[in-house]
Amino acid sequence: MTALTVSTPTSSASRRITLLDGLRGLALIAMASYHFTWDLEFFGYVEEGTAVSGPWKYYARGIASTFLFLVGVSLVLAHGRGIRWQSFGKRLGQIAAAAVLISVATYFTMGAGWIFFGILHAIAVTSLAGLLFVKLPEVVTLAAALGCLWLGAYGHSPLFDTPALWWLGLSETLPRSNDYVPVFPWFAAVLFGIAAARLALRFGWTERLAGLPGGPRLLQWAGRHSLIFYLVHQPVLISLVYLASLVAPPPAPDPALSYSKSCQRSCVAGGNEARFCNRFCSCTLEKLQQQQLLAPLQSGAIIPEQDDRVLKLARECTIASP
């Protein structure tokens, strides 16, 4: 989870709020640390599932929320007195082009987990939609933000299960992707940022914010060039981890442990109770080992849905795991 903001963090007065640059730069560093953890997991240095569960899961959500909140703030500060279509269009085009680049690159490198609507896509779409709110009363914007949160939590329907509507985030069957930031509920973060910036302008806080230090210059620089940082950092990080793996390879994973975790994740995702999944996965693991099917199953030499032996033991374990 990651991304950029729409520029520009300048107030309606002439002074630039460098604090926003610093905050954006800090969020970029946090983003890089999360991606570094993902890279370590990808190469087998940390336990599978680490980056998408527990504290790391909420860490990623916090980072994405920060970027989108700053998108809303920047929209008001840059366009609150009138939309500057030329600068907005130029920046939007850059972000949209980068989003397409990410989609194409991940389609050929990540397979089913490719990024079809990640943080860059979300920033492009929500920035455009956010323009509708930059002059509206704060109470209207806050009500819309709460509505986005509600839709993201309770507005799911099979009507949105078609891939053409996955970007909305209202599907009952969520698609697999390594960076999925749909409009609902994430547009709420942009709207909260818009409301916060409008309140700051209303009460004259922007000049005070402009007088606050923006932090280290390196952070400010990163915040001002967030799109470049975003596009470059992950190839650099994954290359470093790859080089490290050539010198000090990660330990070989335990096949039984890997199967158990994968089996339980799939079982629970299928709507089964955790107790049933624990028994079912333990039973199938034992039978796979007894029949020497575990290694070919994990290597892809056999396809479980097409192998009668695997189908038979799965049926047996289903019956034996009430």
Protein backbone atom coordinates (compact mmCIF):
# COMPACT_ATOMS: atom_id res chain seq x y z
CA MET A 1 0.00 0.00 0.00
CA THR A 2 1.50 3.34 -0.99
CA ALA A 3 1.57 6.43 -3.04
CA LEU A 4 1.68 10.08 -3.91
CA THR A 5 -0.33 13.15 -3.63
CA VAL A 6 -1.62 15.69 -6.02
CA SER A 7 0.53 18.77 -5.68
CA THR A 8 0.69 21.54 -4.58
CA PRO A 9 1.00 22.09 -0.84
CA THR A 10 0.77 25.85 -1.02
CA SER A 11 -1.72 27.90 0.86
CA SER A 12 -4.07 30.41 -0.63
CA ALA A 13 -1.52 32.94 0.54
CA SER A 14 1.90 32.98 -1.07
CA ARG A 15 3.75 30.95 1.55
CA ARG A 16 4.36 27.26 1.02
CA ILE A 17 3.44 24.92 3.86
CA THR A 18 6.66 22.95 4.04
CA LEU A 19 5.24 20.92 6.91
CA LEU A 20 3.05 19.12 4.36
CA ASP A 21 6.12 18.30 2.28
CA GLY A 22 7.80 16.86 5.36
CA LEU A 23 4.75 14.82 6.31
CA ARG A 24 4.49 13.47 2.79
CA GLY A 25 8.20 12.61 2.84
CA LEU A 26 7.77 10.83 6.16
CA ALA A 27 4.86 8.84 4.71
CA LEU A 28 7.09 7.89 1.76
CA ILE A 29 9.72 6.52 4.13
CA ALA A 30 7.01 4.54 5.93
CA MET A 31 5.80 3.24 2.58
CA ALA A 32 9.32 2.14 1.66
CA SER A 33 9.71 0.32 4.98
CA TYR A 34 6.47 -1.56 4.35
CA HIS A 35 7.52 -2.51 0.83
CA PHE A 36 10.88 -3.64 2.15
CA THR A 37 9.06 -6.03 4.48
CA TRP A 38 7.02 -7.28 1.51
CA ASP A 39 10.24 -7.86 -0.43
CA LEU A 40 11.76 -9.80 2.48
CA GLU A 41 8.65 -11.97 2.58
CA PHE A 42 8.72 -12.49 -1.19
CA PHE A 43 12.28 -13.80 -1.01
CA GLY A 44 11.57 -15.96 2.04
CA TYR A 45 13.41 -14.04 4.75
CA VAL A 46 10.29 -13.49 6.86
CA GLU A 47 7.25 -15.66 7.43
CA GLU A 48 4.71 -15.87 4.62
CA GLY A 49 1.75 -13.56 5.18
CA THR A 50 3.65 -11.15 7.44
CA ALA A 51 3.08 -8.07 5.28
CA VAL A 52 -0.66 -8.62 4.89
CA SER A 53 -1.66 -9.56 8.42
CA GLY A 54 -1.42 -8.33 11.99
CA PRO A 55 0.20 -4.96 12.70
CA TRP A 56 1.71 -4.70 9.22
CA LYS A 57 -1.76 -4.82 7.66
CA TYR A 58 -2.87 -1.79 9.69
CA TYR A 59 0.46 -0.08 9.13
CA ALA A 60 -0.15 -0.28 5.37
CA ARG A 61 -3.68 1.07 5.74
CA GLY A 62 -2.40 3.95 7.85
CA ILE A 63 0.17 4.85 5.18
CA ALA A 64 -2.42 4.80 2.39
CA SER A 65 -4.84 6.87 4.48
CA THR A 66 -2.14 9.47 5.12
CA PHE A 67 -1.36 9.89 1.43
CA LEU A 68 -5.01 10.19 0.48
CA PHE A 69 -5.71 12.63 3.32
CA LEU A 70 -2.89 14.83 2.01
CA VAL A 71 -4.40 14.60 -1.47
CA GLY A 72 -7.54 16.21 -0.08
CA VAL A 73 -5.59 18.90 1.77
CA SER A 74 -3.56 19.75 -1.34
CA LEU A 75 -6.67 19.97 -3.52
CA VAL A 76 -8.12 22.70 -1.32
CA LEU A 77 -4.88 24.63 -0.92
CA ALA A 78 -4.19 24.54 -4.65
CA HIS A 79 -7.71 24.94 -6.05
CA GLY A 80 -9.88 26.32 -3.22
CA ARG A 81 -10.18 29.73 -4.88
CA GLY A 82 -10.65 28.33 -8.35
CA ILE A 83 -9.57 25.22 -10.16
CA ARG A 84 -6.27 25.70 -11.92
CA TRP A 85 -7.07 23.34 -14.75
CA GLN A 86 -3.72 23.50 -16.50
CA SER A 87 -1.60 22.53 -13.49
CA PHE A 88 -4.21 20.05 -12.29
CA GLY A 89 -4.46 18.37 -15.68
CA LYS A 90 -0.69 18.10 -16.01
CA ARG A 91 -0.29 16.49 -12.60
CA LEU A 92 -3.29 14.22 -13.11
CA GLY A 93 -1.87 13.07 -16.44
CA GLN A 94 1.46 12.23 -14.80
CA ILE A 95 -0.20 10.17 -12.08
CA ALA A 96 -2.51 8.40 -14.54
CA ALA A 97 0.43 7.54 -16.80
CA ALA A 98 2.38 6.18 -13.83
CA ALA A 99 -0.65 4.12 -12.78
CA VAL A 100 -0.88 2.57 -16.25
CA LEU A 101 2.85 1.84 -16.14
CA ILE A 102 2.47 0.07 -12.80
CA SER A 103 -0.46 -1.99 -14.11
CA VAL A 104 1.41 -3.08 -17.22
CA ALA A 105 4.61 -3.90 -15.34
CA THR A 106 2.86 -5.92 -12.62
CA TYR A 107 0.65 -7.73 -15.15
CA PHE A 108 3.75 -9.32 -16.65
CA THR A 109 5.63 -9.84 -13.38
CA MET A 110 2.99 -10.69 -10.76
CA GLY A 111 0.42 -12.71 -12.67
CA ALA A 112 -2.90 -12.95 -10.84
CA GLY A 113 -1.75 -10.46 -8.20
CA TRP A 114 -1.20 -7.63 -10.70
CA ILE A 115 -2.12 -4.10 -9.65
CA PHE A 116 -5.18 -3.05 -11.63
CA PHE A 117 -6.39 -0.38 -9.18
CA GLY A 118 -3.76 0.51 -6.63
CA ILE A 119 -2.94 3.71 -4.80
CA LEU A 120 -1.94 5.63 -7.92
CA HIS A 121 -5.19 4.72 -9.65
CA ALA A 122 -7.10 5.75 -6.53
CA ILE A 123 -5.30 9.09 -6.33
CA ALA A 124 -6.11 9.86 -9.97
CA VAL A 125 -9.82 9.03 -9.64
CA THR A 126 -10.39 10.53 -6.19
CA SER A 127 -8.49 13.70 -7.08
CA LEU A 128 -10.89 14.30 -9.96
CA ALA A 129 -13.91 13.49 -7.81
CA GLY A 130 -12.53 15.58 -4.97
CA LEU A 131 -12.76 18.75 -7.06
CA LEU A 132 -16.54 18.57 -6.59
CA PHE A 133 -16.07 19.14 -2.85
CA VAL A 134 -13.36 21.80 -2.60
CA LYS A 135 -15.94 24.62 -2.30
CA LEU A 136 -18.77 22.77 -0.57
CA PRO A 137 -19.55 23.31 3.14
CA GLU A 138 -17.45 21.15 5.44
CA VAL A 139 -20.51 19.43 6.88
CA VAL A 140 -21.47 18.19 3.41
CA THR A 141 -17.96 16.86 2.78
CA LEU A 142 -17.83 15.14 6.17
CA ALA A 143 -21.23 13.54 5.57
CA ALA A 144 -19.99 12.26 2.19
CA ALA A 145 -16.86 10.85 3.87
CA LEU A 146 -18.98 8.95 6.38
CA GLY A 147 -21.13 7.71 3.51
CA CYS A 148 -18.01 6.36 1.78
CA LEU A 149 -17.01 4.52 4.93
CA TRP A 150 -20.49 3.05 5.24
CA LEU A 151 -20.52 1.90 1.61
CA GLY A 152 -17.08 0.35 2.01
CA ALA A 153 -18.30 -1.65 5.00
CA TYR A 154 -21.92 -2.47 4.13
CA GLY A 155 -22.53 -1.63 0.46
CA HIS A 156 -21.22 -4.85 -1.07
CA SER A 157 -23.38 -6.60 -3.64
CA PRO A 158 -22.94 -9.37 -6.23
CA LEU A 159 -23.99 -6.75 -8.81
CA PHE A 160 -20.44 -5.34 -8.50
CA ASP A 161 -18.62 -8.67 -8.89
CA THR A 162 -17.86 -8.02 -12.54
CA PRO A 163 -14.19 -7.06 -13.13
CA ALA A 164 -15.29 -3.82 -14.80
CA LEU A 165 -16.59 -2.60 -11.41
CA TRP A 166 -13.88 -3.93 -9.10
CA TRP A 167 -12.39 -0.43 -8.86
CA LEU A 168 -15.40 0.69 -6.82
CA GLY A 169 -14.64 -1.76 -3.99
CA LEU A 170 -18.24 -2.91 -3.59
CA SER A 171 -17.83 -6.48 -4.87
CA GLU A 172 -18.78 -9.37 -2.61
CA THR A 173 -15.94 -11.43 -4.07
CA LEU A 174 -12.81 -9.35 -3.63
CA PRO A 175 -10.19 -9.67 -6.36
CA ARG A 176 -6.62 -10.65 -5.65
CA SER A 177 -4.08 -7.86 -6.05
CA ASN A 178 -0.82 -6.82 -4.42
CA ASP A 179 -2.12 -3.24 -4.07
CA TYR A 180 -5.87 -2.76 -4.05
CA VAL A 181 -7.19 0.69 -3.05
CA PRO A 182 -10.78 0.95 -4.34
CA VAL A 183 -12.85 4.13 -4.31
CA PHE A 184 -14.96 2.90 -1.40
CA PRO A 185 -14.03 3.31 1.38
CA TRP A 186 -10.75 5.08 0.49
CA PHE A 187 -12.32 8.21 -0.99
CA ALA A 188 -13.30 9.00 2.61
CA ALA A 189 -9.67 9.82 3.46
CA VAL A 190 -9.53 12.38 0.63
CA LEU A 191 -12.80 13.94 1.78
CA PHE A 192 -11.55 14.19 5.37
CA GLY A 193 -8.48 15.97 4.04
CA ILE A 194 -10.63 18.40 2.06
CA ALA A 195 -12.76 19.16 5.11
CA ALA A 196 -9.69 19.65 7.32
CA ALA A 197 -8.09 22.06 4.83
CA ARG A 198 -11.30 24.07 4.45
CA LEU A 199 -11.55 24.40 8.23
CA ALA A 200 -7.91 25.52 8.35
CA LEU A 201 -8.65 28.22 5.78
CA ARG A 202 -11.84 29.25 7.55
CA PHE A 203 -10.07 29.81 10.87
CA GLY A 204 -6.87 31.25 9.41
CA TRP A 205 -4.61 28.39 10.42
CA THR A 206 -2.74 28.07 7.12
CA GLU A 207 -0.38 30.97 7.85
CA ARG A 208 0.47 29.42 11.20
CA LEU A 209 1.10 26.08 9.53
CA ALA A 210 3.31 27.79 6.95
CA GLY A 211 5.44 29.12 9.80
CA LEU A 212 6.11 25.67 11.25
CA PRO A 213 9.30 23.82 10.34
CA GLY A 214 8.96 21.18 7.64
CA GLY A 215 11.55 18.81 9.05
CA PRO A 216 14.77 17.63 7.39
CA ARG A 217 15.33 18.96 3.89
CA LEU A 218 15.69 15.43 2.54
CA LEU A 219 12.17 14.60 3.69
CA GLN A 220 10.84 17.80 2.18
CA TRP A 221 12.58 17.04 -1.10
CA ALA A 222 11.07 13.55 -1.17
CA GLY A 223 7.65 15.00 -0.42
CA ARG A 224 7.92 17.42 -3.33
CA HIS A 225 9.03 14.66 -5.73
CA SER A 226 6.79 11.89 -4.43
CA LEU A 227 5.92 10.44 -7.83
CA ILE A 228 9.57 9.89 -8.73
CA PHE A 229 10.25 8.39 -5.31
CA TYR A 230 7.30 6.03 -5.69
CA LEU A 231 8.32 4.76 -9.10
CA VAL A 232 11.99 4.26 -8.20
CA HIS A 233 12.05 2.99 -4.64
CA GLN A 234 10.59 -0.49 -5.11
CA PRO A 235 12.86 -1.57 -8.00
CA VAL A 236 15.82 -0.40 -5.90
CA LEU A 237 14.67 -2.23 -2.77
CA ILE A 238 13.83 -5.49 -4.50
CA SER A 239 17.17 -5.41 -6.34
CA LEU A 240 19.00 -5.01 -3.03
CA VAL A 241 17.15 -7.93 -1.46
CA TYR A 242 17.82 -10.03 -4.55
CA LEU A 243 21.55 -9.29 -4.35
CA ALA A 244 21.50 -10.14 -0.65
CA SER A 245 19.82 -13.46 -1.45
CA LEU A 246 22.77 -14.35 -3.69
CA VAL A 247 25.20 -13.80 -0.82
CA ALA A 248 23.10 -15.09 2.08
CA PRO A 249 20.14 -17.14 0.79
CA PRO A 250 17.08 -17.36 3.03
CA PRO A 251 16.46 -20.62 4.88
CA ALA A 252 14.46 -23.22 3.00
CA PRO A 253 10.79 -23.18 4.09
CA ASP A 254 9.30 -26.15 5.93
CA PRO A 255 7.01 -27.81 3.33
CA ALA A 256 4.55 -29.07 5.95
CA LEU A 257 4.30 -25.68 7.65
CA SER A 258 3.86 -23.90 4.32
CA TYR A 259 1.08 -26.28 3.30
CA SER A 260 -0.73 -25.94 6.63
CA LYS A 261 -0.76 -22.13 6.49
CA SER A 262 -1.81 -22.06 2.85
CA CYS A 263 -4.52 -24.64 3.43
CA GLN A 264 -5.96 -22.83 6.44
CA ARG A 265 -6.01 -19.47 4.68
CA SER A 266 -7.89 -20.95 1.72
CA CYS A 267 -10.24 -22.89 3.98
CA VAL A 268 -11.17 -19.88 6.13
CA ALA A 269 -11.52 -17.68 3.04
CA GLY A 270 -14.03 -20.24 1.75
CA GLY A 271 -16.33 -19.44 4.67
CA ASN A 272 -15.48 -22.41 6.91
CA GLU A 273 -15.01 -22.26 10.66
CA ALA A 274 -11.45 -22.14 11.98
CA ARG A 275 -11.92 -25.33 14.01
CA PHE A 276 -13.01 -27.28 10.95
CA CYS A 277 -10.13 -25.84 8.92
CA ASN A 278 -7.56 -26.87 11.54
CA ARG A 279 -8.81 -30.47 11.51
CA PHE A 280 -9.23 -30.62 7.75
CA CYS A 281 -5.75 -29.27 7.00
CA SER A 282 -4.09 -31.52 9.56
CA CYS A 283 -5.89 -34.53 8.08
CA THR A 284 -5.02 -33.70 4.46
CA LEU A 285 -1.39 -32.96 5.36
CA GLU A 286 -1.03 -36.34 7.02
CA LYS A 287 -2.55 -38.17 4.06
CA LEU A 288 -0.50 -36.22 1.52
CA GLN A 289 2.68 -37.14 3.38
CA GLN A 290 1.66 -40.78 3.67
CA GLN A 291 1.01 -41.00 -0.06
CA GLN A 292 4.11 -38.91 -0.92
CA LEU A 293 1.98 -36.32 -2.70
CA LEU A 294 3.00 -33.22 -0.76
CA ALA A 295 6.16 -32.43 -2.73
CA PRO A 296 4.59 -32.82 -6.20
CA LEU A 297 1.56 -30.83 -5.05
CA GLN A 298 3.69 -27.90 -3.90
CA SER A 299 5.89 -28.00 -6.98
CA GLY A 300 2.88 -27.88 -9.28
CA ALA A 301 3.57 -31.31 -10.74
CA ILE A 302 0.00 -32.29 -9.90
CA ILE A 303 -3.10 -30.11 -10.01
CA PRO A 304 -5.31 -30.81 -6.96
CA GLU A 305 -8.59 -30.18 -8.79
CA GLN A 306 -7.65 -32.72 -11.45
CA ASP A 307 -5.93 -35.44 -9.40
CA ASP A 308 -8.24 -38.24 -8.19
CA ARG A 309 -5.93 -39.09 -5.28
CA VAL A 310 -6.02 -35.58 -3.90
CA LEU A 311 -9.77 -35.28 -4.46
CA LYS A 312 -10.35 -38.57 -2.65
CA LEU A 313 -8.32 -37.67 0.43
CA ALA A 314 -9.96 -34.23 0.53
CA ARG A 315 -13.40 -35.91 0.62
CA GLU A 316 -12.26 -38.29 3.32
CA CYS A 317 -10.88 -35.47 5.46
CA THR A 318 -14.04 -33.40 4.97
CA ILE A 319 -16.11 -36.27 6.39
CA ALA A 320 -13.61 -36.83 9.22
CA SER A 321 -13.52 -33.13 10.23
CA PRO A 322 -17.00 -32.20 11.49
